[in-house]
Amino acid sequence: MRYDRKHIVAIDYQQFSPADNLEDAWSTIQTLVTYSYDAHQRLIEAKNAAGEAER
């Protein structure tokens, strides 16, 4: 999951490959969903991997 402050902005499908540190070990394969918020921090859109959005 990716966050911007306290809000979830995306959910990613990630793959683990051994590396020297955890940050390098995880790579994003695909973003499954993204979320957008307005200036008042209200959820205004959810978009799936196919680009289909709900507002």
Protein backbone atom coordinates (compact mmCIF):
# COMPACT_ATOMS: atom_id res chain seq x y z
CA MET A 1 0.00 0.00 0.00
CA ARG A 2 1.12 3.52 -0.72
CA TYR A 3 0.14 6.36 1.56
CA ASP A 4 0.09 10.14 1.35
CA ARG A 5 -0.01 11.24 4.96
CA LYS A 6 -2.88 9.21 6.45
CA HIS A 7 -4.64 8.37 3.18
CA ILE A 8 -4.13 5.26 1.06
CA VAL A 9 -3.37 6.45 -2.48
CA ALA A 10 -2.61 3.11 -4.15
CA ILE A 11 -2.51 -0.63 -3.69
CA ASP A 12 0.29 -2.38 -5.55
CA TYR A 13 1.00 -6.00 -6.37
CA GLN A 14 4.63 -6.48 -5.36
CA GLN A 15 7.19 -9.23 -5.73
CA PHE A 16 9.99 -10.06 -3.29
CA SER A 17 13.47 -10.84 -4.59
CA PRO A 18 16.41 -11.23 -2.17
CA ALA A 19 18.53 -8.07 -2.01
CA ASP A 20 20.92 -6.25 0.30
CA ASN A 21 18.07 -4.29 1.93
CA LEU A 22 14.28 -4.51 2.16
CA GLU A 23 13.68 -1.42 0.05
CA ASP A 24 15.49 -2.99 -2.91
CA ALA A 25 13.95 -6.42 -2.29
CA TRP A 26 10.37 -5.39 -3.14
CA SER A 27 9.44 -4.37 -6.68
CA THR A 28 6.03 -3.27 -7.90
CA ILE A 29 4.65 -5.53 -10.60
CA GLN A 30 1.32 -3.75 -11.08
CA THR A 31 -0.73 -1.03 -9.44
CA LEU A 32 -4.11 -2.62 -8.70
CA VAL A 33 -6.05 0.47 -7.62
CA THR A 34 -5.43 4.18 -7.08
CA TYR A 35 -7.40 6.61 -4.94
CA SER A 36 -7.79 10.37 -5.40
CA TYR A 37 -8.85 12.92 -2.80
CA ASP A 38 -10.12 16.49 -3.00
CA ALA A 39 -8.71 19.53 -1.17
CA HIS A 40 -10.79 18.61 1.89
CA GLN A 41 -9.22 15.12 1.97
CA ARG A 42 -12.44 13.38 0.89
CA LEU A 43 -12.22 10.38 -1.39
CA ILE A 44 -13.38 11.45 -4.85
CA GLU A 45 -12.23 8.63 -7.13
CA ALA A 46 -11.10 5.01 -7.13
CA LYS A 47 -9.52 3.70 -10.33
CA ASN A 48 -8.69 0.06 -11.05
CA ALA A 49 -5.81 -1.39 -13.10
CA ALA A 50 -7.95 -1.35 -16.26
CA GLY A 51 -8.46 2.41 -15.89
CA GLU A 52 -12.12 2.12 -14.90
CA ALA A 53 -13.06 4.73 -12.33
CA GLU A 54 -15.80 5.24 -9.77
CA ARG A 55 -16.50 8.79 -8.66
